[in-house]
C-alpha atoms as a PDB file:
ATOM      1  CA  MET A   1    -280.495 147.815 -49.043  1.00  0.00           C
ATOM      2  CA  LYS A   2    -284.074 149.038 -49.637  1.00  0.00           C
ATOM      3  CA  ASN A   3    -284.964 149.015 -46.007  1.00  0.00           C
ATOM      4  CA  VAL A   4    -281.944 151.102 -44.877  1.00  0.00           C
ATOM      5  CA  THR A   5    -283.005 154.238 -43.049  1.00  0.00           C
ATOM      6  CA  LEU A   6    -281.569 157.737 -43.314  1.00  0.00           C
ATOM      7  CA  ARG A   7    -280.873 157.669 -39.589  1.00  0.00           C
ATOM      8  CA  GLN A   8    -278.734 154.534 -39.990  1.00  0.00           C
ATOM      9  CA  LEU A   9    -276.714 156.198 -42.746  1.00  0.00           C
ATOM     10  CA  LYS A  10    -276.163 159.325 -40.623  1.00  0.00           C
ATOM     11  CA  VAL A  11    -275.048 157.243 -37.624  1.00  0.00           C
ATOM     12  CA  PHE A  12    -272.747 155.225 -39.833  1.00  0.00           C
ATOM     13  CA  SER A  13    -271.191 158.342 -41.290  1.00  0.00           C
ATOM     14  CA  ALA A  14    -270.594 159.816 -37.828  1.00  0.00           C
ATOM     15  CA  ALA A  15    -269.136 156.519 -36.529  1.00  0.00           C
ATOM     16  CA  ALA A  16    -266.866 156.248 -39.586  1.00  0.00           C
ATOM     17  CA  ARG A  17    -265.681 159.817 -39.174  1.00  0.00           C
ATOM     18  CA  HIS A  18    -264.816 159.441 -35.482  1.00  0.00           C
ATOM     19  CA  LEU A  19    -263.973 155.706 -35.396  1.00  0.00           C
ATOM     20  CA  ASN A  20    -265.405 155.923 -31.967  1.00  0.00           C
ATOM     21  CA  PHE A  21    -269.012 155.021 -31.120  1.00  0.00           C
ATOM     22  CA  GLY A  22    -269.067 157.243 -27.986  1.00  0.00           C
ATOM     23  CA  LYS A  23    -268.075 160.352 -29.961  1.00  0.00           C
ATOM     24  CA  ALA A  24    -270.559 159.466 -32.696  1.00  0.00           C
ATOM     25  CA  ALA A  25    -273.255 159.104 -30.014  1.00  0.00           C
ATOM     26  CA  ARG A  26    -272.511 162.581 -28.661  1.00  0.00           C
ATOM     27  CA  GLU A  27    -272.690 164.099 -32.136  1.00  0.00           C
ATOM     28  CA  MET A  28    -275.973 162.343 -32.932  1.00  0.00           C
ATOM     29  CA  HIS A  29    -277.445 162.973 -29.454  1.00  0.00           C
ATOM     30  CA  LEU A  30    -277.786 159.254 -28.801  1.00  0.00           C
ATOM     31  CA  THR A  31    -276.461 156.778 -26.310  1.00  0.00           C
ATOM     32  CA  PRO A  32    -273.538 154.480 -27.312  1.00  0.00           C
ATOM     33  CA  PRO A  33    -275.760 151.432 -27.181  1.00  0.00           C
ATOM     34  CA  ALA A  34    -278.214 153.154 -29.546  1.00  0.00           C
ATOM     35  CA  VAL A  35    -275.375 153.790 -31.989  1.00  0.00           C
ATOM     36  CA  SER A  36    -274.254 150.169 -31.764  1.00  0.00           C
ATOM     37  CA  MET A  37    -277.831 149.050 -32.465  1.00  0.00           C
ATOM     38  CA  GLN A  38    -278.120 151.279 -35.550  1.00  0.00           C
ATOM     39  CA  ILE A  39    -274.863 149.974 -36.855  1.00  0.00           C
ATOM     40  CA  ARG A  40    -275.867 146.306 -36.303  1.00  0.00           C
ATOM     41  CA  GLU A  41    -279.147 146.895 -38.128  1.00  0.00           C
ATOM     42  CA  LEU A  42    -277.292 148.490 -41.036  1.00  0.00           C
ATOM     43  CA  GLU A  43    -274.796 145.600 -41.135  1.00  0.00           C
ATOM     44  CA  SER A  44    -277.773 143.216 -41.190  1.00  0.00           C
ATOM     45  CA  GLN A  45    -279.176 145.024 -44.210  1.00  0.00           C
ATOM     46  CA  VAL A  46    -275.827 145.033 -46.002  1.00  0.00           C
ATOM     47  CA  GLY A  47    -275.105 141.407 -45.050  1.00  0.00           C
ATOM     48  CA  LEU A  48    -271.487 142.106 -44.200  1.00  0.00           C
ATOM     49  CA  PRO A  49    -269.636 143.699 -41.277  1.00  0.00           C
ATOM     50  CA  LEU A  50    -268.809 147.367 -41.659  1.00  0.00           C
ATOM     51  CA  PHE A  51    -266.580 147.807 -38.643  1.00  0.00           C
ATOM     52  CA  GLU A  52    -263.834 145.689 -37.060  1.00  0.00           C
ATOM     53  CA  ARG A  53    -263.950 145.885 -33.295  1.00  0.00           C
ATOM     54  CA  GLN A  54    -261.002 145.007 -31.094  1.00  0.00           C
ATOM     55  CA  GLY A  55    -261.718 146.124 -27.521  1.00  0.00           C
ATOM     56  CA  LYS A  56    -262.247 149.876 -27.678  1.00  0.00           C
ATOM     57  CA  THR A  57    -260.509 150.178 -31.040  1.00  0.00           C
ATOM     58  CA  VAL A  58    -262.818 150.482 -34.061  1.00  0.00           C
ATOM     59  CA  SER A  59    -261.815 150.542 -37.734  1.00  0.00           C
ATOM     60  CA  LEU A  60    -263.729 150.300 -41.030  1.00  0.00           C
ATOM     61  CA  THR A  61    -263.720 147.050 -42.954  1.00  0.00           C
ATOM     62  CA  VAL A  62    -263.109 147.121 -46.729  1.00  0.00           C
ATOM     63  CA  THR A  63    -266.918 146.873 -47.135  1.00  0.00           C
ATOM     64  CA  GLY A  64    -267.350 149.842 -44.736  1.00  0.00           C
ATOM     65  CA  GLU A  65    -264.865 151.943 -46.691  1.00  0.00           C
ATOM     66  CA  TYR A  66    -266.717 151.316 -49.995  1.00  0.00           C
ATOM     67  CA  LEU A  67    -270.119 151.992 -48.435  1.00  0.00           C
ATOM     68  CA  LEU A  68    -268.853 155.208 -46.836  1.00  0.00           C
ATOM     69  CA  VAL A  69    -268.120 156.675 -50.275  1.00  0.00           C
ATOM     70  CA  TYR A  70    -271.780 156.259 -51.313  1.00  0.00           C
ATOM     71  CA  VAL A  71    -273.224 157.275 -47.912  1.00  0.00           C
ATOM     72  CA  ARG A  72    -271.346 160.564 -48.119  1.00  0.00           C
ATOM     73  CA  LYS A  73    -272.705 161.158 -51.627  1.00  0.00           C
ATOM     74  CA  ILE A  74    -276.230 160.421 -50.442  1.00  0.00           C
ATOM     75  CA  LEU A  75    -276.015 162.726 -47.428  1.00  0.00           C
ATOM     76  CA  ALA A  76    -274.350 165.487 -49.443  1.00  0.00           C
ATOM     77  CA  THR A  77    -277.127 165.309 -52.084  1.00  0.00           C
ATOM     78  CA  LEU A  78    -279.820 165.521 -49.431  1.00  0.00           C
ATOM     79  CA  LYS A  79    -278.061 168.508 -47.835  1.00  0.00           C
ATOM     80  CA  ASP A  80    -277.859 170.213 -51.270  1.00  0.00           C
ATOM     81  CA  ALA A  81    -281.630 169.613 -51.684  1.00  0.00           C
ATOM     82  CA  ASP A  82    -282.354 170.993 -48.230  1.00  0.00           C
ATOM     83  CA  ASP A  83    -280.230 174.086 -49.000  1.00  0.00           C
ATOM     84  CA  ALA A  84    -282.003 174.649 -52.284  1.00  0.00           C
ATOM     85  CA  LEU A  85    -285.404 174.366 -50.650  1.00  0.00           C
ATOM     86  CA  ALA A  86    -284.184 176.695 -47.877  1.00  0.00           C
ATOM     87  CA  ARG A  87    -283.998 179.468 -50.499  1.00  0.00           C
ATOM     88  CA  PHE A  88    -287.770 179.304 -50.744  1.00  0.00           C
ATOM     89  CA  ARG A  89    -288.080 179.417 -46.907  1.00  0.00           C
ATOM     90  CA  GLY A  90    -285.589 182.296 -46.558  1.00  0.00           C
ATOM     91  CA  ILE A  91    -283.125 182.947 -43.721  1.00  0.00           C
ATOM     92  CA  GLU A  92    -285.691 182.727 -40.966  1.00  0.00           C
ATOM     93  CA  ALA A  93    -285.641 178.969 -40.701  1.00  0.00           C
ATOM     94  CA  GLY A  94    -282.382 177.567 -42.086  1.00  0.00           C
ATOM     95  CA  ARG A  95    -279.785 175.023 -41.071  1.00  0.00           C
ATOM     96  CA  LEU A  96    -276.116 175.922 -40.828  1.00  0.00           C
ATOM     97  CA  THR A  97    -273.136 173.617 -40.387  1.00  0.00           C
ATOM     98  CA  VAL A  98    -269.887 175.387 -39.526  1.00  0.00           C
ATOM     99  CA  GLY A  99    -266.523 173.622 -39.464  1.00  0.00           C
ATOM    100  CA  MET A 100    -263.604 175.082 -37.607  1.00  0.00           C
ATOM    101  CA  VAL A 101    -260.040 174.191 -36.789  1.00  0.00           C
ATOM    102  CA  SER A 102    -259.611 173.536 -33.069  1.00  0.00           C
ATOM    103  CA  THR A 103    -257.723 176.793 -32.602  1.00  0.00           C
ATOM    104  CA  ALA A 104    -260.825 178.747 -33.792  1.00  0.00           C
ATOM    105  CA  LYS A 105    -263.068 177.364 -31.059  1.00  0.00           C
ATOM    106  CA  TYR A 106    -261.820 180.117 -28.795  1.00  0.00           C
ATOM    107  CA  PHE A 107    -263.848 182.670 -30.741  1.00  0.00           C
ATOM    108  CA  VAL A 108    -266.139 181.158 -33.399  1.00  0.00           C
ATOM    109  CA  PRO A 109    -268.809 179.976 -30.915  1.00  0.00           C
ATOM    110  CA  ARG A 110    -269.090 183.435 -29.493  1.00  0.00           C
ATOM    111  CA  LEU A 111    -269.451 184.893 -33.017  1.00  0.00           C
ATOM    112  CA  LEU A 112    -272.159 182.346 -33.708  1.00  0.00           C
ATOM    113  CA  ALA A 113    -273.904 183.304 -30.499  1.00  0.00           C
ATOM    114  CA  LYS A 114    -274.019 186.969 -31.712  1.00  0.00           C
ATOM    115  CA  PHE A 115    -275.284 185.692 -35.096  1.00  0.00           C
ATOM    116  CA  ARG A 116    -278.020 183.700 -33.369  1.00  0.00           C
ATOM    117  CA  GLN A 117    -279.194 186.838 -31.533  1.00  0.00           C
ATOM    118  CA  GLU A 118    -280.094 188.327 -34.951  1.00  0.00           C
ATOM    119  CA  TYR A 119    -281.300 185.031 -36.469  1.00  0.00           C
ATOM    120  CA  PRO A 120    -282.694 182.988 -33.566  1.00  0.00           C
ATOM    121  CA  HIS A 121    -284.448 180.385 -35.759  1.00  0.00           C
ATOM    122  CA  VAL A 122    -281.355 179.270 -37.638  1.00  0.00           C
ATOM    123  CA  GLU A 123    -280.324 175.761 -36.526  1.00  0.00           C
ATOM    124  CA  VAL A 124    -276.532 175.681 -36.019  1.00  0.00           C
ATOM    125  CA  ARG A 125    -274.174 172.685 -35.855  1.00  0.00           C
ATOM    126  CA  LEU A 126    -270.466 172.994 -35.162  1.00  0.00           C
ATOM    127  CA  SER A 127    -267.754 170.552 -36.287  1.00  0.00           C
ATOM    128  CA  VAL A 128    -264.221 170.794 -34.808  1.00  0.00           C
ATOM    129  CA  GLY A 129    -261.067 169.188 -36.108  1.00  0.00           C
ATOM    130  CA  ASN A 130    -257.540 169.933 -37.315  1.00  0.00           C
ATOM    131  CA  ARG A 131    -256.885 171.455 -40.744  1.00  0.00           C
ATOM    132  CA  GLU A 132    -256.528 168.134 -42.483  1.00  0.00           C
ATOM    133  CA  GLN A 133    -259.854 166.863 -41.100  1.00  0.00           C
ATOM    134  CA  LEU A 134    -261.622 170.110 -42.030  1.00  0.00           C
ATOM    135  CA  VAL A 135    -260.434 169.968 -45.622  1.00  0.00           C
ATOM    136  CA  THR A 136    -261.875 166.431 -45.854  1.00  0.00           C
ATOM    137  CA  GLN A 137    -265.195 167.704 -44.489  1.00  0.00           C
ATOM    138  CA  LEU A 138    -265.243 170.450 -47.108  1.00  0.00           C
ATOM    139  CA  GLN A 139    -264.552 167.933 -49.861  1.00  0.00           C
ATOM    140  CA  ASN A 140    -267.363 165.703 -48.606  1.00  0.00           C
ATOM    141  CA  SER A 141    -269.832 168.598 -48.265  1.00  0.00           C
ATOM    142  CA  GLU A 142    -270.170 167.816 -44.562  1.00  0.00           C
ATOM    143  CA  VAL A 143    -269.893 171.506 -43.648  1.00  0.00           C
ATOM    144  CA  ASP A 144    -271.294 174.647 -45.249  1.00  0.00           C
ATOM    145  CA  LEU A 145    -268.490 176.962 -44.194  1.00  0.00           C
ATOM    146  CA  ALA A 146    -265.082 176.433 -42.593  1.00  0.00           C
ATOM    147  CA  VAL A 147    -263.069 178.799 -40.429  1.00  0.00           C
ATOM    148  CA  MET A 148    -259.365 178.063 -40.789  1.00  0.00           C
ATOM    149  CA  GLY A 149    -255.941 179.614 -41.184  1.00  0.00           C
ATOM    150  CA  ARG A 150    -254.635 178.065 -44.374  1.00  0.00           C
ATOM    151  CA  PRO A 151    -257.262 177.355 -47.075  1.00  0.00           C
ATOM    152  CA  PRO A 152    -256.859 174.138 -49.083  1.00  0.00           C
ATOM    153  CA  ARG A 153    -254.927 174.483 -52.348  1.00  0.00           C
ATOM    154  CA  ASP A 154    -256.060 171.229 -53.968  1.00  0.00           C
ATOM    155  CA  MET A 155    -259.755 171.960 -54.337  1.00  0.00           C
ATOM    156  CA  ALA A 156    -261.860 174.815 -55.762  1.00  0.00           C
ATOM    157  CA  THR A 157    -262.830 177.078 -52.848  1.00  0.00           C
ATOM    158  CA  ARG A 158    -263.733 180.640 -52.068  1.00  0.00           C
ATOM    159  CA  ALA A 159    -261.402 181.619 -49.170  1.00  0.00           C
ATOM    160  CA  GLU A 160    -261.858 185.147 -47.746  1.00  0.00           C
ATOM    161  CA  PRO A 161    -259.630 186.599 -45.028  1.00  0.00           C
ATOM    162  CA  PHE A 162    -261.433 188.370 -42.248  1.00  0.00           C
ATOM    163  CA  ALA A 163    -258.884 188.934 -39.433  1.00  0.00           C
ATOM    164  CA  ALA A 164    -255.202 188.750 -38.569  1.00  0.00           C
ATOM    165  CA  HIS A 165    -254.109 185.580 -36.797  1.00  0.00           C
ATOM    166  CA  PRO A 166    -250.928 185.886 -34.630  1.00  0.00           C
ATOM    167  CA  LEU A 167    -248.941 182.837 -33.574  1.00  0.00           C
ATOM    168  CA  GLY A 168    -245.992 182.778 -31.213  1.00  0.00           C
ATOM    169  CA  ILE A 169    -243.980 181.132 -28.485  1.00  0.00           C
ATOM    170  CA  VAL A 170    -245.735 180.570 -25.166  1.00  0.00           C
ATOM    171  CA  ALA A 171    -243.991 179.796 -21.891  1.00  0.00           C
ATOM    172  CA  ALA A 172    -244.590 179.531 -18.190  1.00  0.00           C
ATOM    173  CA  PRO A 173    -244.012 182.809 -16.209  1.00  0.00           C
ATOM    174  CA  GLY A 174    -240.384 182.984 -15.047  1.00  0.00           C
ATOM    175  CA  HIS A 175    -239.075 181.007 -18.042  1.00  0.00           C
ATOM    176  CA  PRO A 176    -235.507 181.912 -19.145  1.00  0.00           C
ATOM    177  CA  LEU A 177    -236.840 183.189 -22.456  1.00  0.00           C
ATOM    178  CA  LEU A 178    -238.485 185.971 -20.498  1.00  0.00           C
ATOM    179  CA  ALA A 179    -235.273 187.128 -18.874  1.00  0.00           C
ATOM    180  CA  GLY A 180    -234.495 190.084 -21.118  1.00  0.00           C
ATOM    181  CA  ASP A 181    -235.089 191.781 -24.435  1.00  0.00           C
ATOM    182  CA  GLU A 182    -235.957 190.007 -27.665  1.00  0.00           C
ATOM    183  CA  MET A 183    -234.298 186.671 -27.936  1.00  0.00           C
ATOM    184  CA  PRO A 184    -232.741 185.421 -31.146  1.00  0.00           C
ATOM    185  CA  ALA A 185    -234.567 182.506 -32.806  1.00  0.00           C
ATOM    186  CA  GLU A 186    -231.525 180.301 -32.176  1.00  0.00           C
ATOM    187  CA  ALA A 187    -232.148 180.563 -28.440  1.00  0.00           C
ATOM    188  CA  LEU A 188    -235.208 178.286 -28.893  1.00  0.00           C
ATOM    189  CA  THR A 189    -232.894 175.314 -29.592  1.00  0.00           C
ATOM    190  CA  GLN A 190    -231.983 175.226 -25.860  1.00  0.00           C
ATOM    191  CA  PHE A 191    -235.426 174.158 -24.761  1.00  0.00           C
ATOM    192  CA  GLY A 192    -237.821 171.228 -25.125  1.00  0.00           C
ATOM    193  CA  PHE A 193    -240.871 171.900 -27.264  1.00  0.00           C
ATOM    194  CA  ILE A 194    -244.452 170.697 -27.086  1.00  0.00           C
ATOM    195  CA  ILE A 195    -245.996 170.859 -30.518  1.00  0.00           C
ATOM    196  CA  ARG A 196    -249.328 170.144 -32.271  1.00  0.00           C
ATOM    197  CA  GLU A 197    -249.850 166.939 -34.267  1.00  0.00           C
ATOM    198  CA  PRO A 198    -249.157 166.605 -38.060  1.00  0.00           C
ATOM    199  CA  GLY A 199    -252.135 167.929 -40.048  1.00  0.00           C
ATOM    200  CA  SER A 200    -252.563 170.891 -37.753  1.00  0.00           C
ATOM    201  CA  GLY A 201    -252.228 174.391 -39.275  1.00  0.00           C
ATOM    202  CA  THR A 202    -250.369 175.475 -36.145  1.00  0.00           C
ATOM    203  CA  ARG A 203    -247.828 172.734 -36.702  1.00  0.00           C
ATOM    204  CA  ALA A 204    -247.409 173.732 -40.332  1.00  0.00           C
ATOM    205  CA  ALA A 205    -246.798 177.398 -39.414  1.00  0.00           C
ATOM    206  CA  PHE A 206    -244.194 176.348 -36.781  1.00  0.00           C
ATOM    207  CA  GLU A 207    -242.395 174.150 -39.319  1.00  0.00           C
ATOM    208  CA  GLU A 208    -242.265 177.084 -41.742  1.00  0.00           C
ATOM    209  CA  TYR A 209    -240.780 179.262 -38.997  1.00  0.00           C
ATOM    210  CA  GLN A 210    -238.168 176.550 -38.243  1.00  0.00           C
ATOM    211  CA  ARG A 211    -237.182 176.346 -41.895  1.00  0.00           C
ATOM    212  CA  GLN A 212    -236.899 180.154 -42.165  1.00  0.00           C
ATOM    213  CA  TYR A 213    -234.509 180.347 -39.209  1.00  0.00           C
ATOM    214  CA  HIS A 214    -232.818 176.952 -39.833  1.00  0.00           C
ATOM    215  CA  LEU A 215    -233.757 175.685 -36.329  1.00  0.00           C
ATOM    216  CA  ASP A 216    -233.015 172.132 -35.275  1.00  0.00           C
ATOM    217  CA  LEU A 217    -234.978 171.580 -32.069  1.00  0.00           C
ATOM    218  CA  PRO A 218    -233.564 168.715 -29.975  1.00  0.00           C
ATOM    219  CA  THR A 219    -236.668 167.619 -28.078  1.00  0.00           C
ATOM    220  CA  MET A 220    -240.244 167.758 -29.233  1.00  0.00           C
ATOM    221  CA  THR A 221    -243.404 166.194 -27.731  1.00  0.00           C
ATOM    222  CA  GLU A 222    -246.547 165.922 -29.803  1.00  0.00           C
ATOM    223  CA  MET A 223    -250.015 166.680 -28.357  1.00  0.00           C
ATOM    224  CA  ASP A 224    -253.254 166.996 -30.345  1.00  0.00           C
ATOM    225  CA  SER A 225    -255.035 169.476 -28.048  1.00  0.00           C
ATOM    226  CA  ASN A 226    -254.344 173.174 -27.391  1.00  0.00           C
ATOM    227  CA  GLU A 227    -255.748 172.805 -23.931  1.00  0.00           C
ATOM    228  CA  THR A 228    -253.433 169.920 -23.076  1.00  0.00           C
ATOM    229  CA  ILE A 229    -250.461 171.823 -24.465  1.00  0.00           C
ATOM    230  CA  LYS A 230    -251.338 174.878 -22.322  1.00  0.00           C
ATOM    231  CA  GLN A 231    -251.534 172.804 -19.195  1.00  0.00           C
ATOM    232  CA  ALA A 232    -248.172 171.203 -20.009  1.00  0.00           C
ATOM    233  CA  VAL A 233    -246.570 174.606 -20.563  1.00  0.00           C
ATOM    234  CA  MET A 234    -247.960 176.000 -17.324  1.00  0.00           C
ATOM    235  CA  ALA A 235    -246.629 172.847 -15.555  1.00  0.00           C
ATOM    236  CA  GLY A 236    -243.152 173.618 -16.799  1.00  0.00           C
ATOM    237  CA  MET A 237    -242.852 170.688 -19.173  1.00  0.00           C
ATOM    238  CA  GLY A 238    -241.531 172.927 -21.974  1.00  0.00           C
ATOM    239  CA  VAL A 239    -242.428 175.777 -24.288  1.00  0.00           C
ATOM    240  CA  SER A 240    -244.786 175.701 -27.261  1.00  0.00           C
ATOM    241  CA  PHE A 241    -245.780 177.496 -30.439  1.00  0.00           C
ATOM    242  CA  LEU A 242    -249.510 178.273 -30.402  1.00  0.00           C
ATOM    243  CA  SER A 243    -252.080 180.641 -31.856  1.00  0.00           C
ATOM    244  CA  LEU A 244    -252.194 183.581 -29.513  1.00  0.00           C
ATOM    245  CA  HIS A 245    -255.933 183.472 -29.777  1.00  0.00           C
ATOM    246  CA  THR A 246    -255.883 180.313 -27.671  1.00  0.00           C
ATOM    247  CA  ILE A 247    -254.237 181.903 -24.572  1.00  0.00           C
ATOM    248  CA  GLY A 248    -256.286 185.028 -23.845  1.00  0.00           C
ATOM    249  CA  LEU A 249    -257.600 183.871 -20.488  1.00  0.00           C
ATOM    250  CA  GLU A 250    -254.285 182.413 -19.336  1.00  0.00           C
ATOM    251  CA  LEU A 251    -252.358 185.513 -20.437  1.00  0.00           C
ATOM    252  CA  ARG A 252    -254.740 187.878 -18.594  1.00  0.00           C
ATOM    253  CA  SER A 253    -254.487 185.634 -15.470  1.00  0.00           C
ATOM    254  CA  GLY A 254    -250.694 185.623 -15.553  1.00  0.00           C
ATOM    255  CA  LEU A 255    -250.509 181.833 -16.005  1.00  0.00           C
ATOM    256  CA  ILE A 256    -248.809 181.967 -19.392  1.00  0.00           C
ATOM    257  CA  ALA A 257    -246.383 184.455 -20.978  1.00  0.00           C
ATOM    258  CA  VAL A 258    -245.405 185.298 -24.538  1.00  0.00           C
ATOM    259  CA  PRO A 259    -241.622 185.889 -24.650  1.00  0.00           C
ATOM    260  CA  PRO A 260    -240.262 188.285 -27.269  1.00  0.00           C
ATOM    261  CA  VAL A 261    -238.500 186.176 -29.899  1.00  0.00           C
ATOM    262  CA  GLU A 262    -236.994 187.112 -33.219  1.00  0.00           C
ATOM    263  CA  GLY A 263    -239.462 187.021 -36.103  1.00  0.00           C
ATOM    264  CA  LEU A 264    -242.503 186.563 -33.839  1.00  0.00           C
ATOM    265  CA  PRO A 265    -245.416 186.801 -33.623  1.00  0.00           C
ATOM    266  CA  LEU A 266    -245.896 185.128 -36.940  1.00  0.00           C
ATOM    267  CA  VAL A 267    -248.968 186.897 -38.332  1.00  0.00           C
ATOM    268  CA  ARG A 268    -251.246 184.847 -40.635  1.00  0.00           C
ATOM    269  CA  ARG A 269    -254.893 185.327 -41.454  1.00  0.00           C
ATOM    270  CA  TRP A 270    -258.109 183.724 -40.537  1.00  0.00           C
ATOM    271  CA  HIS A 271    -260.268 182.727 -43.515  1.00  0.00           C
ATOM    272  CA  VAL A 272    -263.895 181.780 -44.019  1.00  0.00           C
ATOM    273  CA  VAL A 273    -263.943 179.059 -46.694  1.00  0.00           C
ATOM    274  CA  ASN A 274    -266.616 177.358 -48.746  1.00  0.00           C
ATOM    275  CA  SER A 275    -266.519 174.867 -51.657  1.00  0.00           C
ATOM    276  CA  LEU A 276    -267.317 176.403 -55.080  1.00  0.00           C
ATOM    277  CA  SER A 277    -269.060 173.168 -56.015  1.00  0.00           C
ATOM    278  CA  LYS A 278    -271.701 173.719 -53.345  1.00  0.00           C
ATOM    279  CA  LEU A 279    -274.532 176.243 -53.454  1.00  0.00           C
ATOM    280  CA  LEU A 280    -274.700 178.019 -50.098  1.00  0.00           C
ATOM    281  CA  SER A 281    -278.021 178.070 -48.248  1.00  0.00           C
ATOM    282  CA  PRO A 282    -279.402 181.489 -47.180  1.00  0.00           C
ATOM    283  CA  ALA A 283    -278.324 180.769 -43.602  1.00  0.00           C
ATOM    284  CA  ALA A 284    -274.748 179.951 -44.703  1.00  0.00           C
ATOM    285  CA  GLU A 285    -274.514 182.959 -47.011  1.00  0.00           C
ATOM    286  CA  THR A 286    -275.812 185.203 -44.230  1.00  0.00           C
ATOM    287  CA  PHE A 287    -273.272 183.902 -41.724  1.00  0.00           C
ATOM    288  CA  ARG A 288    -270.512 184.365 -44.308  1.00  0.00           C
ATOM    289  CA  TYR A 289    -271.388 188.013 -44.626  1.00  0.00           C
ATOM    290  CA  PHE A 290    -271.675 188.309 -40.826  1.00  0.00           C
ATOM    291  CA  ILE A 291    -268.218 186.935 -40.082  1.00  0.00           C
ATOM    292  CA  LEU A 292    -266.623 189.055 -42.820  1.00  0.00           C
ATOM    293  CA  GLU A 293    -268.268 192.150 -41.460  1.00  0.00           C
ATOM    294  CA  HIS A 294    -267.823 191.548 -37.698  1.00  0.00           C
ATOM    295  CA  GLY A 295    -264.922 189.039 -37.328  1.00  0.00           C
ATOM    296  CA  GLU A 296    -261.953 191.451 -37.172  1.00  0.00           C
ATOM    297  CA  ALA A 297    -263.639 193.932 -34.777  1.00  0.00           C
ATOM    298  CA  PHE A 298    -264.788 191.037 -32.593  1.00  0.00           C
ATOM    299  CA  LEU A 299    -261.258 189.634 -32.278  1.00  0.00           C
ATOM    300  CA  ALA A 300    -259.759 193.067 -31.622  1.00  0.00           C
ATOM    301  CA  GLU A 301    -262.306 193.671 -28.857  1.00  0.00           C
ATOM    302  CA  ASN A 302    -261.723 190.277 -27.205  1.00  0.00           C
ATOM    303  CA  PHE A 303    -257.971 189.844 -27.701  1.00  0.00           C
ATOM    304  CA  GLY A 304    -256.739 193.441 -27.571  1.00  0.00           C
ATOM    305  CA  GLU A 305    -252.972 193.568 -27.901  1.00  0.00           C
ATOM    306  CA  LEU A 306    -252.925 190.000 -29.280  1.00  0.00           C
ATOM    307  CA  GLN A 307    -254.660 191.285 -32.439  1.00  0.00           C
ATOM    308  CA  PRO A 308    -251.757 193.352 -33.741  1.00  0.00           C
ATOM    309  CA  LEU A 309    -252.483 194.027 -37.415  1.00  0.00           C
ATOM    310  CA  PRO A 310    -255.373 194.463 -39.826  1.00  0.00           C
ATOM    311  CA  ILE A 311    -255.865 191.721 -42.317  1.00  0.00           C
ATOM    312  CA  ALA A 312    -254.291 193.732 -45.164  1.00  0.00           C
ATOM    313  CA  SER A 313    -250.955 193.995 -43.386  1.00  0.00           C
ATOM    314  CA  PRO A 314    -249.637 190.481 -42.658  1.00  0.00           C
ATOM    315  CA  PRO A 315    -246.863 189.207 -44.933  1.00  0.00           C
ATOM    316  CA  PRO A 316    -247.857 186.761 -47.681  1.00  0.00           C
ATOM    317  CA  GLU A 317    -248.240 183.200 -46.594  1.00  0.00           C
ATOM    318  CA  PRO A 318    -245.870 180.519 -47.962  1.00  0.00           C
ATOM    319  CA  THR A 319    -246.942 178.915 -51.217  1.00  0.00           C
ATOM    320  CA  ALA A 320    -246.016 175.373 -50.075  1.00  0.00           C
ATOM    321  CA  SER A 321    -249.052 173.293 -49.224  1.00  0.00           C
END
């Protein structure tokens, strides 16, 4: 493999992460044919196929899975070297990779925009996924910092809360749950639910709420996108349990409502997380300080009444992982 290029390894890593050459192309700022060409050249160097292709479905071969372990180590080592050298260059010209759960995309990009106003020469890359995917990216050193609700418990991390994170029931205007005063939790069993996919922090929080109030919901439809769920709720397909930070625009426009329900909103916390095994670059360390200093005030300014409590006040989170 002496003729393998770094670009080929980066393209392979992106394609293996997404299992979709089109998504890998967007991440790498390439065309899908260019991604396919890079993969074919890498497979030629290896001498074995790395992906199985069946129509539009792509999966790793056993060889691809083994190679991916080493490719991640190579890229992580190069990133560590770059971060170490960045300490000599200082904050003025660093590279920053921030991972975030999909729920956080409603505010993290705007926080990053404010950060870039102060540090315009920092190169920023964003990675979005559900909680499970983000934990994997932290483990593989694919992100410098992660913004998430529930930090991982099975790896050594520094997880620092910076703002309250309210979650609650959302419904279309005129829904029966909005008919009167606070509804008992048991009333939720009368309606069909649209919920996030397994691995999502929102799904885990809702399952905790169900256990607390012994709710057995008769009908649940899974969707892996907050935007799709909001559209389904507005169309009257059912109600949902979402982060209230995802519905600011719809709530202000009167397209979605938050009915008063027993025990809600469920207030958790947003955390900025980094692996303790990884030395942060100056850019990453500076953004960590930035989000800890400005995150809560930014959310309070942009979400108003949906930001009900300071981070010291929410009840402790459940210990179950």
